[in-house]
Amino acid sequence: MPPSNQTPSARSPRGSVLVTGGAGFVGAALARRLVASGRRVTVLDDLSGGDPARLPAAGDEGHDRLRFVRGDAGDPAVLRALLEPSGDGAAPCGHLIHFAAVVGVRRVLADPAGCRRAHERLTDAVATALAALDADRRPRLYAASTSEVYAESPAHLSEDGALRPLDGAGRWSYAATKRAAEERFDALRELWPAGRAPVHLRFFNVVGPGQDADSGMVLPRFVERARAGLPLEVHGDGEQERTFAHVDEVARCLHEMLDRDASVGVGVPGGAWNVGGAARTTIGALARLVADRAGTGARVVHVDPRRAIGPRFEDVRRRVPDLSRLAALGVTVPSRSLEAIVDDCLARHPERTAAGAGRTACASPAS
């Protein structure tokens, strides 16, 4: 486990980074990449959904540049203390990467009102902490949003597309609060110099080894069941369309975005950015591919999601990103094929017991 009492040295020339929710799936992948490149990273996580085992341990590359703090990202005093320079001559944090959130459709459906309250509290804490800092100590904000903010559409979803309402209920509480967070952070844009406004990362189906299946993520659940030779349960007709991106490629893309901010005269414009990949498929086809690649004889079966998950479950037929804005930025857009992603998950996803693998999969827009 990373140390919780490590004293950080002065930041690297490109600046230190604070990642809230940094022991989560995407946050930890980014933290690993940043410290391996020489950046100093502080991870703040209450471990309600994160796992410090995802972070570099003693002996791993970059471990000495990582500080892990178990704490509440919903407390503005905690955030401000971590964003302030840590000693004489220490430079302020260059970036705040805000990933802390309630993650997974199962957790949202279990308590939609609680999800809304949690996200509102986290958003308020980040906004309050940033506003309280002196201008020369205020980091650039990159905040995780979601592709779920987009309204249903048969077209590729672009950053200027129609959005879901702010009063979304049930499983759309997650999307509603993420959209509300975007608006709250945009209202603070005058706190930063021109060209440094907050960045909203609208993620599309980020997957890879180590993702939490229990929260409702479809690929790790399929992988775990296929390994155990259990049926792969697909909701409805299986024609729901999704586009997957490997977490390591997403981390590389985010790292390149941060590096652009550190370059003289070059930066990432504020606002919404779609972040996703090119592995486009239907959920039914994904299940068949996983079953075939696993080679255990696992069958694919279709189930009624409202019986499997609950009457409040709602689905989206198509979730395909328009990544032209990201490509135009000049960063490396995730491009790994679906076959390569599935093979990597089958090879490296942590083993689970048959009992754990037997829980129902969730082919949802959050998965």
Protein backbone atom coordinates (compact mmCIF):
# COMPACT_ATOMS: atom_id res chain seq x y z
CA MET A 1 0.00 0.00 0.00
CA PRO A 2 1.33 3.50 -0.77
CA PRO A 3 2.50 5.43 2.28
CA SER A 4 0.04 7.84 3.89
CA ASN A 5 2.64 10.01 5.63
CA GLN A 6 5.14 10.60 2.85
CA THR A 7 6.46 14.16 2.72
CA PRO A 8 6.37 15.46 -0.86
CA SER A 9 9.39 17.22 -2.29
CA ALA A 10 9.15 20.29 -4.46
CA ARG A 11 7.11 19.64 -7.54
CA SER A 12 8.65 18.72 -10.85
CA PRO A 13 9.05 21.50 -13.47
CA ARG A 14 5.71 20.46 -14.98
CA GLY A 15 3.92 20.75 -11.66
CA SER A 16 2.43 18.41 -9.10
CA VAL A 17 -1.06 16.95 -9.43
CA LEU A 18 -3.83 16.22 -6.93
CA VAL A 19 -6.20 13.43 -7.97
CA THR A 20 -9.41 13.03 -5.97
CA GLY A 21 -10.75 9.49 -6.24
CA GLY A 22 -7.25 8.59 -7.35
CA ALA A 23 -7.45 5.02 -6.04
CA GLY A 24 -10.35 4.38 -8.41
CA PHE A 25 -10.11 2.63 -11.75
CA VAL A 26 -9.34 5.58 -14.04
CA GLY A 27 -7.75 7.79 -11.37
CA ALA A 28 -5.20 5.15 -10.42
CA ALA A 29 -4.29 4.48 -14.05
CA LEU A 30 -3.60 8.18 -14.53
CA ALA A 31 -1.65 8.42 -11.26
CA ARG A 32 0.55 5.47 -12.28
CA ARG A 33 1.32 7.07 -15.61
CA LEU A 34 2.05 10.48 -14.14
CA VAL A 35 4.49 9.28 -11.48
CA ALA A 36 6.23 7.04 -14.01
CA SER A 37 6.84 10.14 -16.14
CA GLY A 38 8.38 12.06 -13.25
CA ARG A 39 5.37 14.02 -11.99
CA ARG A 40 4.61 14.27 -8.28
CA VAL A 41 1.08 13.10 -7.48
CA THR A 42 -1.07 13.26 -4.38
CA VAL A 43 -3.99 10.84 -4.35
CA LEU A 44 -6.97 11.65 -2.13
CA ASP A 45 -9.47 8.82 -1.70
CA ASP A 46 -11.82 7.70 1.09
CA LEU A 47 -11.64 4.10 -0.25
CA SER A 48 -15.43 3.78 -0.44
CA GLY A 49 -14.92 2.59 -4.01
CA GLY A 50 -11.18 2.84 -4.56
CA ASP A 51 -8.40 0.40 -3.81
CA PRO A 52 -4.87 1.56 -2.91
CA ALA A 53 -3.53 -1.70 -4.35
CA ARG A 54 -4.09 -0.11 -7.77
CA LEU A 55 -1.39 2.47 -6.98
CA PRO A 56 2.39 2.00 -7.20
CA ALA A 57 3.72 0.10 -4.19
CA ALA A 58 7.20 0.15 -2.66
CA GLY A 59 9.69 -0.84 -5.34
CA ASP A 60 7.42 0.19 -8.22
CA GLU A 61 8.46 2.90 -10.65
CA GLY A 62 7.49 6.32 -9.35
CA HIS A 63 6.48 5.17 -5.87
CA ASP A 64 8.68 7.83 -4.26
CA ARG A 65 6.78 10.52 -6.18
CA LEU A 66 3.35 9.40 -4.93
CA ARG A 67 1.63 10.51 -1.74
CA PHE A 68 -1.55 8.68 -0.75
CA VAL A 69 -3.98 10.40 1.63
CA ARG A 70 -7.06 8.63 2.90
CA GLY A 71 -9.63 11.37 3.30
CA ASP A 72 -12.87 12.98 2.20
CA ALA A 73 -12.86 14.90 -1.09
CA GLY A 74 -16.19 16.38 0.00
CA ASP A 75 -14.44 18.40 2.71
CA PRO A 76 -13.15 21.73 1.30
CA ALA A 77 -10.70 22.10 4.20
CA VAL A 78 -9.06 18.78 3.29
CA LEU A 79 -8.81 19.80 -0.36
CA ARG A 80 -7.39 23.22 0.40
CA ALA A 81 -4.75 21.78 2.74
CA LEU A 82 -3.56 19.44 -0.02
CA LEU A 83 -3.56 22.19 -2.64
CA GLU A 84 -1.46 24.61 -0.59
CA PRO A 85 2.34 24.49 -0.95
CA SER A 86 3.74 21.96 1.52
CA GLY A 87 6.76 23.94 2.74
CA ASP A 88 9.18 26.79 2.17
CA GLY A 89 9.96 27.15 -1.49
CA ALA A 90 7.44 24.50 -2.56
CA ALA A 91 5.43 25.37 -5.64
CA PRO A 92 1.63 25.14 -5.65
CA CYS A 93 -0.24 22.26 -7.22
CA GLY A 94 -0.52 22.65 -10.99
CA HIS A 95 -3.59 20.50 -11.64
CA LEU A 96 -6.58 19.26 -9.66
CA ILE A 97 -8.01 16.15 -11.32
CA HIS A 98 -11.44 15.57 -9.78
CA PHE A 99 -12.52 11.93 -10.18
CA ALA A 100 -14.21 11.32 -6.81
CA ALA A 101 -17.78 10.16 -7.43
CA VAL A 102 -20.40 7.47 -6.92
CA VAL A 103 -19.48 5.02 -9.69
CA GLY A 104 -21.55 2.29 -11.33
CA VAL A 105 -25.18 1.91 -12.26
CA ARG A 106 -25.84 -0.55 -9.44
CA ARG A 107 -24.75 1.95 -6.80
CA VAL A 108 -26.75 4.73 -8.42
CA LEU A 109 -29.92 2.63 -8.68
CA ALA A 110 -29.55 1.47 -5.09
CA ASP A 111 -29.80 5.08 -3.84
CA PRO A 112 -30.40 7.73 -6.53
CA ALA A 113 -31.07 10.47 -3.97
CA GLY A 114 -27.90 9.56 -2.11
CA CYS A 115 -25.95 9.72 -5.38
CA ARG A 116 -27.29 13.22 -5.99
CA ARG A 117 -26.40 14.39 -2.49
CA ALA A 118 -22.90 12.91 -2.70
CA HIS A 119 -22.12 14.55 -6.03
CA GLU A 120 -23.54 17.91 -4.95
CA ARG A 121 -21.37 17.80 -1.82
CA LEU A 122 -18.25 16.89 -3.80
CA THR A 123 -18.88 19.62 -6.37
CA ASP A 124 -19.46 22.22 -3.67
CA ALA A 125 -16.26 21.20 -1.86
CA VAL A 126 -14.12 21.52 -4.98
CA ALA A 127 -15.67 24.88 -5.91
CA THR A 128 -15.25 26.21 -2.37
CA ALA A 129 -11.64 25.07 -2.03
CA LEU A 130 -10.62 26.55 -5.39
CA ALA A 131 -12.32 29.88 -4.73
CA ALA A 132 -10.54 30.18 -1.37
CA LEU A 133 -7.05 29.88 -2.87
CA ASP A 134 -4.95 32.83 -3.98
CA ALA A 135 -4.87 33.20 -7.75
CA ASP A 136 -1.19 32.20 -8.00
CA ARG A 137 -1.90 29.02 -6.03
CA ARG A 138 -5.04 27.93 -7.86
CA PRO A 139 -4.59 24.75 -9.97
CA ARG A 140 -6.17 24.07 -13.33
CA LEU A 141 -9.29 21.93 -12.87
CA TYR A 142 -9.97 18.77 -14.87
CA ALA A 143 -13.24 17.19 -13.68
CA ALA A 144 -14.65 13.80 -14.64
CA SER A 145 -18.05 14.12 -16.25
CA THR A 146 -19.79 11.39 -18.26
CA SER A 147 -21.17 10.61 -21.69
CA GLU A 148 -24.48 10.00 -19.93
CA VAL A 149 -25.09 13.75 -19.93
CA TYR A 150 -26.03 13.41 -23.62
CA ALA A 151 -29.62 12.89 -24.69
CA GLU A 152 -30.41 9.78 -26.71
CA SER A 153 -29.37 10.23 -30.35
CA PRO A 154 -28.84 8.02 -33.43
CA ALA A 155 -25.83 10.16 -34.37
CA HIS A 156 -22.31 10.24 -33.00
CA LEU A 157 -22.36 12.34 -29.84
CA SER A 158 -20.39 15.59 -30.04
CA GLU A 159 -19.62 18.08 -27.31
CA ASP A 160 -22.27 20.50 -28.58
CA GLY A 161 -25.00 17.83 -28.67
CA ALA A 162 -28.30 17.92 -26.77
CA LEU A 163 -28.04 17.14 -23.06
CA ARG A 164 -30.25 15.41 -20.52
CA PRO A 165 -32.22 17.58 -18.07
CA LEU A 166 -30.78 18.70 -14.76
CA ASP A 167 -33.70 17.18 -12.85
CA GLY A 168 -33.05 13.62 -14.02
CA ALA A 169 -34.21 11.03 -11.49
CA GLY A 170 -33.55 7.34 -10.84
CA ARG A 171 -30.62 6.03 -12.85
CA TRP A 172 -30.29 9.46 -14.50
CA SER A 173 -29.43 11.10 -11.17
CA TYR A 174 -25.78 10.44 -11.98
CA ALA A 175 -25.97 12.22 -15.35
CA ALA A 176 -27.96 15.12 -13.91
CA THR A 177 -25.47 15.81 -11.14
CA LYS A 178 -22.51 15.54 -13.50
CA ARG A 179 -24.11 18.09 -15.83
CA ALA A 180 -24.84 20.32 -12.81
CA ALA A 181 -21.18 20.04 -11.79
CA GLU A 182 -20.08 21.18 -15.24
CA GLU A 183 -22.27 24.25 -14.91
CA ARG A 184 -21.07 24.99 -11.38
CA PHE A 185 -17.43 24.80 -12.42
CA ASP A 186 -18.07 26.89 -15.55
CA ALA A 187 -19.50 29.60 -13.30
CA LEU A 188 -16.05 29.82 -11.70
CA ARG A 189 -14.16 30.35 -14.97
CA GLU A 190 -13.27 33.95 -14.06
CA LEU A 191 -11.06 32.59 -11.27
CA TRP A 192 -8.53 31.50 -13.89
CA PRO A 193 -6.60 33.44 -16.55
CA ALA A 194 -7.91 33.34 -20.10
CA GLY A 195 -7.54 29.91 -21.65
CA ARG A 196 -7.39 28.09 -18.31
CA ALA A 197 -11.10 27.50 -17.66
CA PRO A 198 -12.19 24.14 -16.19
CA VAL A 199 -12.09 21.05 -18.40
CA HIS A 200 -14.98 18.57 -18.32
CA LEU A 201 -13.99 15.01 -19.26
CA ARG A 202 -17.01 13.23 -20.74
CA PHE A 203 -15.87 9.62 -20.57
CA PHE A 204 -17.26 6.89 -22.84
CA ASN A 205 -17.10 3.31 -21.52
CA VAL A 206 -13.57 3.09 -20.16
CA VAL A 207 -12.64 -0.53 -19.45
CA GLY A 208 -9.68 -2.75 -18.64
CA PRO A 209 -8.25 -5.24 -16.14
CA GLY A 210 -9.14 -4.52 -12.52
CA GLN A 211 -12.42 -2.72 -13.17
CA ASP A 212 -15.09 -3.26 -10.53
CA ALA A 213 -17.72 -5.69 -11.75
CA ASP A 214 -19.92 -5.40 -8.66
CA SER A 215 -20.85 -1.80 -9.42
CA GLY A 216 -22.41 -2.88 -12.72
CA MET A 217 -19.60 -2.69 -15.29
CA VAL A 218 -20.35 -5.04 -18.13
CA LEU A 219 -16.97 -6.17 -19.47
CA PRO A 220 -15.39 -7.33 -16.19
CA ARG A 221 -18.62 -9.14 -15.34
CA PHE A 222 -18.62 -10.94 -18.69
CA VAL A 223 -14.94 -11.82 -18.23
CA GLU A 224 -15.47 -13.20 -14.73
CA ARG A 225 -18.48 -15.27 -15.73
CA ALA A 226 -16.84 -16.57 -18.89
CA ARG A 227 -13.77 -17.69 -16.96
CA ALA A 228 -16.02 -19.59 -14.57
CA GLY A 229 -17.98 -21.15 -17.44
CA LEU A 230 -21.17 -19.38 -16.31
CA PRO A 231 -23.79 -17.91 -18.67
CA LEU A 232 -23.15 -14.37 -19.86
CA GLU A 233 -26.39 -12.50 -19.22
CA VAL A 234 -27.27 -9.84 -21.80
CA HIS A 235 -30.08 -7.41 -21.08
CA GLY A 236 -32.89 -7.31 -23.62
CA ASP A 237 -32.09 -7.96 -27.27
CA GLY A 238 -28.38 -7.14 -26.90
CA GLU A 239 -28.45 -4.58 -29.70
CA GLN A 240 -27.45 -1.73 -27.40
CA GLU A 241 -24.44 -0.08 -29.06
CA ARG A 242 -21.37 1.03 -27.09
CA THR A 243 -17.83 2.19 -27.84
CA PHE A 244 -15.10 1.03 -25.46
CA ALA A 245 -11.69 2.50 -24.63
CA HIS A 246 -8.86 0.80 -22.76
CA VAL A 247 -8.04 2.51 -19.48
CA ASP A 248 -4.30 2.60 -20.18
CA GLU A 249 -4.88 4.48 -23.43
CA VAL A 250 -7.27 6.86 -21.69
CA ALA A 251 -4.64 7.54 -19.03
CA ARG A 252 -2.08 8.25 -21.75
CA CYS A 253 -4.50 10.64 -23.47
CA LEU A 254 -5.17 12.54 -20.22
CA HIS A 255 -1.45 12.68 -19.48
CA GLU A 256 -0.83 14.26 -22.87
CA MET A 257 -3.57 16.81 -22.20
CA LEU A 258 -1.91 17.79 -18.92
CA ASP A 259 1.46 18.06 -20.63
CA ARG A 260 -0.01 20.47 -23.19
CA ASP A 261 -1.05 22.72 -20.31
CA ALA A 262 2.56 22.75 -19.09
CA SER A 263 3.95 23.75 -22.50
CA VAL A 264 4.69 27.41 -23.09
CA GLY A 265 1.98 29.00 -25.20
CA VAL A 266 0.05 25.74 -25.59
CA GLY A 267 -2.90 24.63 -23.51
CA VAL A 268 -6.14 22.70 -23.55
CA PRO A 269 -9.18 24.95 -24.06
CA GLY A 270 -11.74 24.81 -21.28
CA GLY A 271 -15.14 23.19 -21.64
CA ALA A 272 -16.38 19.73 -22.52
CA TRP A 273 -14.15 17.06 -24.06
CA ASN A 274 -15.31 13.64 -25.19
CA VAL A 275 -12.80 10.99 -24.11
CA GLY A 276 -13.29 7.52 -25.52
CA GLY A 277 -12.03 4.93 -27.94
CA ALA A 278 -12.76 3.16 -31.21
CA ALA A 279 -13.89 -0.31 -30.05
CA ARG A 280 -17.51 -0.08 -31.18
CA THR A 281 -19.85 -3.03 -30.73
CA THR A 282 -23.22 -4.20 -29.50
CA ILE A 283 -23.52 -5.70 -26.05
CA GLY A 284 -24.66 -9.02 -27.55
CA ALA A 285 -21.62 -9.14 -29.83
CA LEU A 286 -19.37 -8.27 -26.91
CA ALA A 287 -20.75 -11.17 -24.89
CA ARG A 288 -20.22 -13.59 -27.77
CA LEU A 289 -16.65 -12.36 -28.27
CA VAL A 290 -15.78 -12.77 -24.58
CA ALA A 291 -17.33 -16.25 -24.49
CA ASP A 292 -15.42 -17.29 -27.61
CA ARG A 293 -12.07 -15.89 -26.46
CA ALA A 294 -12.41 -17.43 -22.99
CA GLY A 295 -12.83 -20.89 -24.47
CA THR A 296 -14.72 -22.28 -21.46
CA GLY A 297 -17.97 -23.10 -23.21
CA ALA A 298 -19.83 -20.24 -21.50
CA ARG A 299 -23.23 -19.54 -23.08
CA VAL A 300 -24.82 -16.19 -23.88
CA VAL A 301 -28.37 -15.77 -22.57
CA HIS A 302 -30.81 -12.87 -22.69
CA VAL A 303 -32.59 -11.58 -19.58
CA ASP A 304 -35.12 -8.89 -18.70
CA PRO A 305 -33.07 -6.12 -17.02
CA ARG A 306 -36.01 -4.91 -14.96
CA ARG A 307 -36.28 -8.32 -13.37
CA ALA A 308 -32.51 -8.75 -13.03
CA ILE A 309 -31.70 -5.29 -11.66
CA GLY A 310 -34.96 -3.61 -10.70
CA PRO A 311 -37.96 -1.75 -12.11
CA ARG A 312 -36.10 1.58 -12.17
CA PHE A 313 -33.53 0.36 -14.70
CA GLU A 314 -33.44 2.32 -17.97
CA ASP A 315 -31.17 1.76 -20.93
CA VAL A 316 -29.76 3.67 -23.90
CA ARG A 317 -29.74 2.15 -27.36
CA ARG A 318 -26.66 3.88 -28.73
CA ARG A 319 -23.63 5.52 -27.14
CA VAL A 320 -20.99 6.38 -29.78
CA PRO A 321 -18.63 9.34 -29.35
CA ASP A 322 -17.53 11.94 -31.84
CA LEU A 323 -13.82 12.27 -30.97
CA SER A 324 -12.93 14.80 -33.66
CA ARG A 325 -12.31 17.57 -31.11
CA LEU A 326 -9.94 15.36 -29.13
CA ALA A 327 -8.13 14.28 -32.29
CA ALA A 328 -7.74 17.91 -33.40
CA LEU A 329 -6.01 18.68 -30.11
CA GLY A 330 -3.11 16.51 -31.25
CA VAL A 331 -3.14 14.01 -28.39
CA THR A 332 -3.09 10.26 -28.97
CA VAL A 333 -6.73 9.18 -29.18
CA PRO A 334 -7.42 5.67 -27.77
CA SER A 335 -7.55 3.21 -30.67
CA ARG A 336 -7.13 -0.30 -29.26
CA SER A 337 -9.42 -2.85 -30.92
CA LEU A 338 -12.20 -4.63 -29.09
CA GLU A 339 -10.44 -7.97 -29.54
CA ALA A 340 -7.25 -6.60 -27.98
CA ILE A 341 -9.17 -5.10 -25.07
CA VAL A 342 -11.03 -8.34 -24.38
CA ASP A 343 -7.85 -10.43 -24.61
CA ASP A 344 -6.07 -8.13 -22.16
CA CYS A 345 -8.95 -8.34 -19.70
CA LEU A 346 -9.06 -12.13 -19.95
CA ALA A 347 -5.30 -12.27 -19.36
CA ARG A 348 -4.89 -9.72 -16.56
CA HIS A 349 -8.23 -9.15 -14.80
CA PRO A 350 -7.93 -10.33 -11.17
CA GLU A 351 -9.31 -13.77 -10.41
CA ARG A 352 -12.62 -14.01 -8.56
CA THR A 353 -14.50 -16.85 -6.94
CA ALA A 354 -17.29 -18.50 -8.86
CA ALA A 355 -19.73 -17.08 -6.32
CA GLY A 356 -18.51 -13.56 -6.97
CA ALA A 357 -18.58 -14.09 -10.71
CA GLY A 358 -22.14 -15.32 -10.50
CA ARG A 359 -23.68 -11.95 -9.76
CA THR A 360 -25.70 -10.42 -12.58
CA ALA A 361 -23.97 -8.37 -15.26
CA CYS A 362 -25.23 -4.95 -16.23
CA ALA A 363 -25.17 -3.94 -19.89
CA SER A 364 -25.94 -0.33 -19.15
CA PRO A 365 -24.83 3.04 -20.52
CA ALA A 366 -22.70 3.42 -17.41
CA SER A 367 -20.91 0.14 -17.99
